[in-house]
Amino acid sequence: MTELICIVCPKGCHLHVDEKNGYTVTGNACPRGAIYGKKELLHPTRTITSTVRIEGASIPRVPVKTDRDIPKEDIFAAMKLLDSVTLQAPVHVGDIVVANILGLDANFVVTRSLEQATDSD
């Protein structure tokens, strides 16, 4: 039996996942917790959030995230892709920064719009 804390919502239910009985989940307050508990043991995934360099904006970095979860084992390789990225202002929420990360059908997208800086910025 594996014990987990659910991260689907802020409640943080204490889950018990029974691997010997078809990954049965107990301790969840909602159906999403049961799905999370089973998925976390069989195929854990995460959404990645980070920042990348941007030129021509009022600040030097812009936040980005994956537009869907990717397998946990691919996080470091995906993050390495961001090392060489430098965007040019303006950028808008939802703009794709890196498409089809590692062939996983997920993209890094901008999560804050930044306009081109003016001389007064």
N, C-alpha and C. Protein backbone atom coordinates (compact mmCIF):
# COMPACT_ATOMS: atom_id res chain seq x y z
N MET A 1 0.86 -1.17 0.00
CA MET A 1 0.00 0.00 0.00
C MET A 1 0.90 1.24 0.00
N THR A 2 0.60 2.15 -0.89
CA THR A 2 1.36 3.40 -0.99
C THR A 2 0.50 4.55 -0.49
N GLU A 3 1.10 5.43 0.28
CA GLU A 3 0.40 6.60 0.78
C GLU A 3 0.86 7.83 0.01
N LEU A 4 -0.10 8.65 -0.40
CA LEU A 4 0.16 9.88 -1.15
C LEU A 4 -0.69 11.00 -0.59
N ILE A 5 -0.27 12.21 -0.84
CA ILE A 5 -1.12 13.37 -0.58
C ILE A 5 -1.58 13.88 -1.93
N CYS A 6 -2.86 13.96 -2.12
CA CYS A 6 -3.43 14.39 -3.40
C CYS A 6 -3.11 15.87 -3.65
N ILE A 7 -2.72 16.19 -4.88
CA ILE A 7 -2.39 17.57 -5.26
C ILE A 7 -3.38 18.16 -6.26
N VAL A 8 -4.51 17.47 -6.46
CA VAL A 8 -5.50 17.94 -7.43
C VAL A 8 -6.16 19.24 -6.98
N CYS A 9 -6.39 19.37 -5.68
CA CYS A 9 -6.99 20.59 -5.14
C CYS A 9 -6.30 20.95 -3.83
N PRO A 10 -6.60 22.09 -3.25
CA PRO A 10 -5.92 22.50 -2.01
C PRO A 10 -6.26 21.66 -0.78
N LYS A 11 -7.28 20.82 -0.84
CA LYS A 11 -7.68 20.03 0.33
C LYS A 11 -6.58 19.08 0.79
N GLY A 12 -5.83 18.49 -0.14
CA GLY A 12 -4.71 17.63 0.21
C GLY A 12 -5.11 16.34 0.90
N CYS A 13 -6.02 15.60 0.31
CA CYS A 13 -6.47 14.33 0.90
C CYS A 13 -5.30 13.35 1.03
N HIS A 14 -5.34 12.57 2.11
CA HIS A 14 -4.33 11.53 2.32
C HIS A 14 -4.85 10.25 1.66
N LEU A 15 -4.22 9.89 0.56
CA LEU A 15 -4.67 8.74 -0.23
C LEU A 15 -3.89 7.49 0.15
N HIS A 16 -4.55 6.37 0.04
CA HIS A 16 -3.92 5.06 0.18
C HIS A 16 -4.20 4.31 -1.12
N VAL A 17 -3.15 3.91 -1.81
CA VAL A 17 -3.29 3.21 -3.09
C VAL A 17 -2.82 1.78 -2.90
N ASP A 18 -3.71 0.84 -3.14
CA ASP A 18 -3.43 -0.58 -2.97
C ASP A 18 -3.03 -1.18 -4.31
N GLU A 19 -1.73 -1.32 -4.52
CA GLU A 19 -1.22 -1.84 -5.78
C GLU A 19 -1.62 -3.30 -6.01
N LYS A 20 -1.84 -4.04 -4.94
CA LYS A 20 -2.16 -5.47 -5.06
C LYS A 20 -3.62 -5.72 -5.41
N ASN A 21 -4.44 -4.69 -5.32
CA ASN A 21 -5.87 -4.81 -5.64
C ASN A 21 -6.28 -3.84 -6.74
N GLY A 22 -5.56 -3.86 -7.84
CA GLY A 22 -5.92 -3.05 -9.00
C GLY A 22 -5.77 -1.56 -8.79
N TYR A 23 -4.83 -1.17 -7.92
CA TYR A 23 -4.57 0.24 -7.64
C TYR A 23 -5.83 0.94 -7.11
N THR A 24 -6.53 0.26 -6.22
CA THR A 24 -7.70 0.82 -5.56
C THR A 24 -7.27 1.96 -4.65
N VAL A 25 -7.98 3.08 -4.74
CA VAL A 25 -7.62 4.27 -3.97
C VAL A 25 -8.69 4.51 -2.90
N THR A 26 -8.22 4.77 -1.67
CA THR A 26 -9.11 5.16 -0.59
C THR A 26 -8.57 6.45 0.03
N GLY A 27 -9.41 7.15 0.77
CA GLY A 27 -9.00 8.39 1.42
C GLY A 27 -9.30 9.63 0.60
N ASN A 28 -9.79 9.45 -0.61
CA ASN A 28 -10.10 10.59 -1.48
C ASN A 28 -11.49 11.12 -1.19
N ALA A 29 -11.62 12.44 -1.22
CA ALA A 29 -12.91 13.07 -0.98
C ALA A 29 -13.70 13.27 -2.27
N CYS A 30 -13.06 13.07 -3.40
CA CYS A 30 -13.75 13.25 -4.69
C CYS A 30 -13.19 12.26 -5.71
N PRO A 31 -13.89 12.06 -6.81
CA PRO A 31 -13.42 11.12 -7.84
C PRO A 31 -12.07 11.51 -8.45
N ARG A 32 -11.78 12.81 -8.48
CA ARG A 32 -10.50 13.24 -9.07
C ARG A 32 -9.32 12.71 -8.26
N GLY A 33 -9.49 12.57 -6.96
CA GLY A 33 -8.42 12.03 -6.12
C GLY A 33 -8.12 10.58 -6.45
N ALA A 34 -9.16 9.80 -6.74
CA ALA A 34 -8.96 8.40 -7.11
C ALA A 34 -8.20 8.30 -8.43
N ILE A 35 -8.56 9.15 -9.37
CA ILE A 35 -7.86 9.16 -10.66
C ILE A 35 -6.40 9.54 -10.46
N TYR A 36 -6.17 10.59 -9.66
CA TYR A 36 -4.80 11.05 -9.41
C TYR A 36 -3.97 9.95 -8.75
N GLY A 37 -4.51 9.30 -7.71
CA GLY A 37 -3.75 8.28 -6.99
C GLY A 37 -3.29 7.16 -7.88
N LYS A 38 -4.18 6.66 -8.71
CA LYS A 38 -3.82 5.57 -9.61
C LYS A 38 -2.81 6.04 -10.66
N LYS A 39 -3.07 7.20 -11.24
CA LYS A 39 -2.18 7.74 -12.27
C LYS A 39 -0.79 8.03 -11.71
N GLU A 40 -0.71 8.51 -10.48
CA GLU A 40 0.57 8.87 -9.87
C GLU A 40 1.47 7.65 -9.72
N LEU A 41 0.89 6.49 -9.50
CA LEU A 41 1.71 5.29 -9.38
C LEU A 41 2.01 4.63 -10.72
N LEU A 42 1.07 4.71 -11.64
CA LEU A 42 1.26 4.04 -12.93
C LEU A 42 1.99 4.89 -13.96
N HIS A 43 1.68 6.17 -14.01
CA HIS A 43 2.27 7.04 -15.03
C HIS A 43 2.20 8.49 -14.55
N PRO A 44 3.11 8.89 -13.65
CA PRO A 44 3.05 10.25 -13.10
C PRO A 44 3.37 11.32 -14.15
N THR A 45 2.61 12.40 -14.11
CA THR A 45 2.82 13.52 -15.03
C THR A 45 2.77 14.81 -14.25
N ARG A 46 3.31 15.87 -14.86
CA ARG A 46 3.30 17.19 -14.24
C ARG A 46 3.18 18.27 -15.31
N THR A 47 2.62 19.42 -14.89
CA THR A 47 2.69 20.64 -15.68
C THR A 47 3.95 21.36 -15.24
N ILE A 48 4.73 21.84 -16.19
CA ILE A 48 5.97 22.56 -15.87
C ILE A 48 5.72 24.05 -15.97
N THR A 49 6.18 24.80 -14.99
CA THR A 49 6.18 26.25 -15.07
C THR A 49 7.61 26.74 -14.95
N SER A 50 7.95 27.77 -15.70
CA SER A 50 9.30 28.32 -15.69
C SER A 50 9.27 29.73 -16.25
N THR A 51 10.45 30.25 -16.58
CA THR A 51 10.56 31.54 -17.27
C THR A 51 11.59 31.41 -18.37
N VAL A 52 11.51 32.30 -19.35
CA VAL A 52 12.52 32.38 -20.41
C VAL A 52 12.93 33.84 -20.59
N ARG A 53 14.11 34.02 -21.18
CA ARG A 53 14.59 35.37 -21.45
C ARG A 53 13.70 36.05 -22.50
N ILE A 54 13.58 37.37 -22.36
CA ILE A 54 12.87 38.16 -23.36
C ILE A 54 13.62 39.46 -23.54
N GLU A 55 13.76 39.86 -24.78
CA GLU A 55 14.42 41.14 -25.11
C GLU A 55 13.38 42.12 -25.60
N GLY A 56 13.61 43.38 -25.28
CA GLY A 56 12.73 44.44 -25.76
C GLY A 56 11.50 44.65 -24.90
N ALA A 57 11.44 44.04 -23.73
CA ALA A 57 10.31 44.21 -22.81
C ALA A 57 10.78 44.97 -21.58
N SER A 58 9.84 45.34 -20.73
CA SER A 58 10.19 46.12 -19.54
C SER A 58 10.82 45.26 -18.44
N ILE A 59 10.73 43.94 -18.56
CA ILE A 59 11.37 43.02 -17.62
C ILE A 59 12.17 41.98 -18.42
N PRO A 60 13.18 41.34 -17.80
CA PRO A 60 14.08 40.46 -18.56
C PRO A 60 13.59 39.03 -18.80
N ARG A 61 12.54 38.60 -18.09
CA ARG A 61 12.07 37.23 -18.24
C ARG A 61 10.54 37.22 -18.30
N VAL A 62 10.01 36.22 -19.00
CA VAL A 62 8.56 36.08 -19.13
C VAL A 62 8.19 34.66 -18.68
N PRO A 63 7.08 34.51 -17.92
CA PRO A 63 6.68 33.18 -17.47
C PRO A 63 6.10 32.34 -18.61
N VAL A 64 6.39 31.04 -18.52
CA VAL A 64 5.88 30.06 -19.48
C VAL A 64 5.44 28.82 -18.72
N LYS A 65 4.63 27.99 -19.37
CA LYS A 65 4.23 26.71 -18.79
C LYS A 65 3.89 25.75 -19.91
N THR A 66 3.82 24.47 -19.57
CA THR A 66 3.36 23.51 -20.55
C THR A 66 1.84 23.61 -20.65
N ASP A 67 1.32 23.40 -21.84
CA ASP A 67 -0.13 23.50 -22.01
C ASP A 67 -0.85 22.20 -21.68
N ARG A 68 -0.10 21.20 -21.28
CA ARG A 68 -0.66 19.94 -20.75
C ARG A 68 0.42 19.24 -19.96
N ASP A 69 0.02 18.28 -19.16
CA ASP A 69 0.98 17.51 -18.37
C ASP A 69 1.92 16.73 -19.28
N ILE A 70 3.15 16.55 -18.80
CA ILE A 70 4.09 15.68 -19.50
C ILE A 70 4.58 14.63 -18.50
N PRO A 71 5.09 13.50 -18.99
CA PRO A 71 5.59 12.48 -18.06
C PRO A 71 6.68 13.04 -17.16
N LYS A 72 6.62 12.66 -15.91
CA LYS A 72 7.55 13.18 -14.90
C LYS A 72 9.00 12.91 -15.29
N GLU A 73 9.27 11.77 -15.92
CA GLU A 73 10.65 11.43 -16.29
C GLU A 73 11.22 12.33 -17.39
N ASP A 74 10.37 13.11 -18.06
CA ASP A 74 10.83 13.99 -19.14
C ASP A 74 11.01 15.45 -18.70
N ILE A 75 10.79 15.75 -17.43
CA ILE A 75 10.83 17.14 -16.96
C ILE A 75 12.19 17.79 -17.21
N PHE A 76 13.28 17.13 -16.82
CA PHE A 76 14.60 17.75 -16.95
C PHE A 76 14.98 17.99 -18.41
N ALA A 77 14.66 17.05 -19.28
CA ALA A 77 14.95 17.23 -20.70
C ALA A 77 14.12 18.37 -21.28
N ALA A 78 12.88 18.48 -20.84
CA ALA A 78 12.01 19.58 -21.32
C ALA A 78 12.54 20.93 -20.83
N MET A 79 12.94 21.00 -19.58
CA MET A 79 13.48 22.25 -19.04
C MET A 79 14.74 22.67 -19.78
N LYS A 80 15.57 21.72 -20.16
CA LYS A 80 16.81 22.03 -20.89
C LYS A 80 16.51 22.75 -22.20
N LEU A 81 15.37 22.44 -22.82
CA LEU A 81 14.99 23.11 -24.07
C LEU A 81 14.82 24.61 -23.88
N LEU A 82 14.45 25.04 -22.68
CA LEU A 82 14.21 26.46 -22.43
C LEU A 82 15.50 27.26 -22.28
N ASP A 83 16.63 26.58 -22.02
CA ASP A 83 17.90 27.28 -21.81
C ASP A 83 18.30 28.15 -23.00
N SER A 84 18.00 27.71 -24.19
CA SER A 84 18.44 28.43 -25.39
C SER A 84 17.39 29.38 -25.95
N VAL A 85 16.26 29.51 -25.27
CA VAL A 85 15.16 30.35 -25.79
C VAL A 85 15.32 31.79 -25.33
N THR A 86 15.26 32.70 -26.29
CA THR A 86 15.15 34.14 -26.01
C THR A 86 14.05 34.68 -26.91
N LEU A 87 13.03 35.23 -26.30
CA LEU A 87 11.90 35.78 -27.05
C LEU A 87 12.13 37.26 -27.32
N GLN A 88 11.39 37.80 -28.27
CA GLN A 88 11.41 39.22 -28.58
C GLN A 88 10.02 39.79 -28.28
N ALA A 89 9.97 40.89 -27.56
CA ALA A 89 8.70 41.55 -27.27
C ALA A 89 8.14 42.13 -28.56
N PRO A 90 6.84 42.15 -28.72
CA PRO A 90 5.79 41.78 -27.77
C PRO A 90 5.49 40.28 -27.82
N VAL A 91 4.99 39.75 -26.69
CA VAL A 91 4.48 38.38 -26.61
C VAL A 91 3.11 38.44 -25.94
N HIS A 92 2.31 37.44 -26.20
CA HIS A 92 0.94 37.42 -25.67
C HIS A 92 0.63 36.07 -25.05
N VAL A 93 -0.23 36.08 -24.05
CA VAL A 93 -0.64 34.85 -23.39
C VAL A 93 -1.07 33.83 -24.44
N GLY A 94 -0.52 32.63 -24.32
CA GLY A 94 -0.87 31.56 -25.25
C GLY A 94 0.09 31.40 -26.42
N ASP A 95 0.97 32.40 -26.66
CA ASP A 95 1.96 32.24 -27.73
C ASP A 95 2.81 31.01 -27.45
N ILE A 96 3.05 30.21 -28.47
CA ILE A 96 3.86 29.00 -28.32
C ILE A 96 5.33 29.37 -28.32
N VAL A 97 6.04 28.92 -27.29
CA VAL A 97 7.47 29.18 -27.13
C VAL A 97 8.28 28.02 -27.70
N VAL A 98 7.92 26.79 -27.31
CA VAL A 98 8.52 25.57 -27.85
C VAL A 98 7.36 24.64 -28.19
N ALA A 99 7.27 24.25 -29.45
CA ALA A 99 6.17 23.39 -29.90
C ALA A 99 6.55 21.92 -29.76
N ASN A 100 5.57 21.09 -29.50
CA ASN A 100 5.71 19.64 -29.47
C ASN A 100 6.96 19.20 -28.69
N ILE A 101 7.00 19.58 -27.42
CA ILE A 101 8.14 19.29 -26.55
C ILE A 101 8.45 17.79 -26.58
N LEU A 102 9.67 17.45 -26.98
CA LEU A 102 10.16 16.07 -26.98
C LEU A 102 9.23 15.09 -27.68
N GLY A 103 8.44 15.60 -28.63
CA GLY A 103 7.49 14.74 -29.34
C GLY A 103 6.31 14.30 -28.49
N LEU A 104 6.03 15.02 -27.41
CA LEU A 104 4.98 14.64 -26.46
C LEU A 104 3.64 15.30 -26.73
N ASP A 105 3.52 16.05 -27.82
CA ASP A 105 2.28 16.76 -28.16
C ASP A 105 1.88 17.76 -27.09
N ALA A 106 2.88 18.36 -26.45
CA ALA A 106 2.67 19.43 -25.47
C ALA A 106 3.56 20.58 -25.89
N ASN A 107 3.15 21.80 -25.57
CA ASN A 107 3.90 22.99 -25.93
C ASN A 107 4.20 23.82 -24.69
N PHE A 108 5.33 24.55 -24.72
CA PHE A 108 5.54 25.61 -23.74
C PHE A 108 4.85 26.84 -24.30
N VAL A 109 4.03 27.49 -23.48
CA VAL A 109 3.30 28.69 -23.91
C VAL A 109 3.55 29.83 -22.93
N VAL A 110 3.45 31.05 -23.44
CA VAL A 110 3.60 32.26 -22.63
C VAL A 110 2.38 32.41 -21.72
N THR A 111 2.61 32.82 -20.46
CA THR A 111 1.50 32.99 -19.53
C THR A 111 1.32 34.44 -19.06
N ARG A 112 2.11 35.35 -19.63
CA ARG A 112 1.93 36.79 -19.33
C ARG A 112 2.25 37.58 -20.58
N SER A 113 1.33 38.42 -20.99
CA SER A 113 1.58 39.28 -22.14
C SER A 113 2.56 40.38 -21.76
N LEU A 114 3.51 40.64 -22.63
CA LEU A 114 4.46 41.74 -22.44
C LEU A 114 4.58 42.51 -23.75
N GLU A 115 4.37 43.80 -23.65
CA GLU A 115 4.50 44.65 -24.83
C GLU A 115 5.95 45.09 -24.99
N GLN A 116 6.24 45.63 -26.13
CA GLN A 116 7.57 46.16 -26.37
C GLN A 116 7.79 47.40 -25.47
N ALA A 117 8.93 47.46 -24.84
CA ALA A 117 9.23 48.56 -23.93
C ALA A 117 9.39 49.85 -24.72
N THR A 118 8.97 50.92 -24.11
CA THR A 118 9.17 52.24 -24.70
C THR A 118 10.32 52.91 -23.96
N ASP A 119 10.76 54.04 -24.45
CA ASP A 119 11.87 54.75 -23.80
C ASP A 119 11.52 55.15 -22.39
N SER A 120 10.25 55.32 -22.07
CA SER A 120 9.86 55.75 -20.72
C SER A 120 9.79 54.57 -19.75
N ASP A 121 9.88 53.32 -20.24
CA ASP A 121 9.83 52.14 -19.35
C ASP A 121 11.10 51.95 -18.67
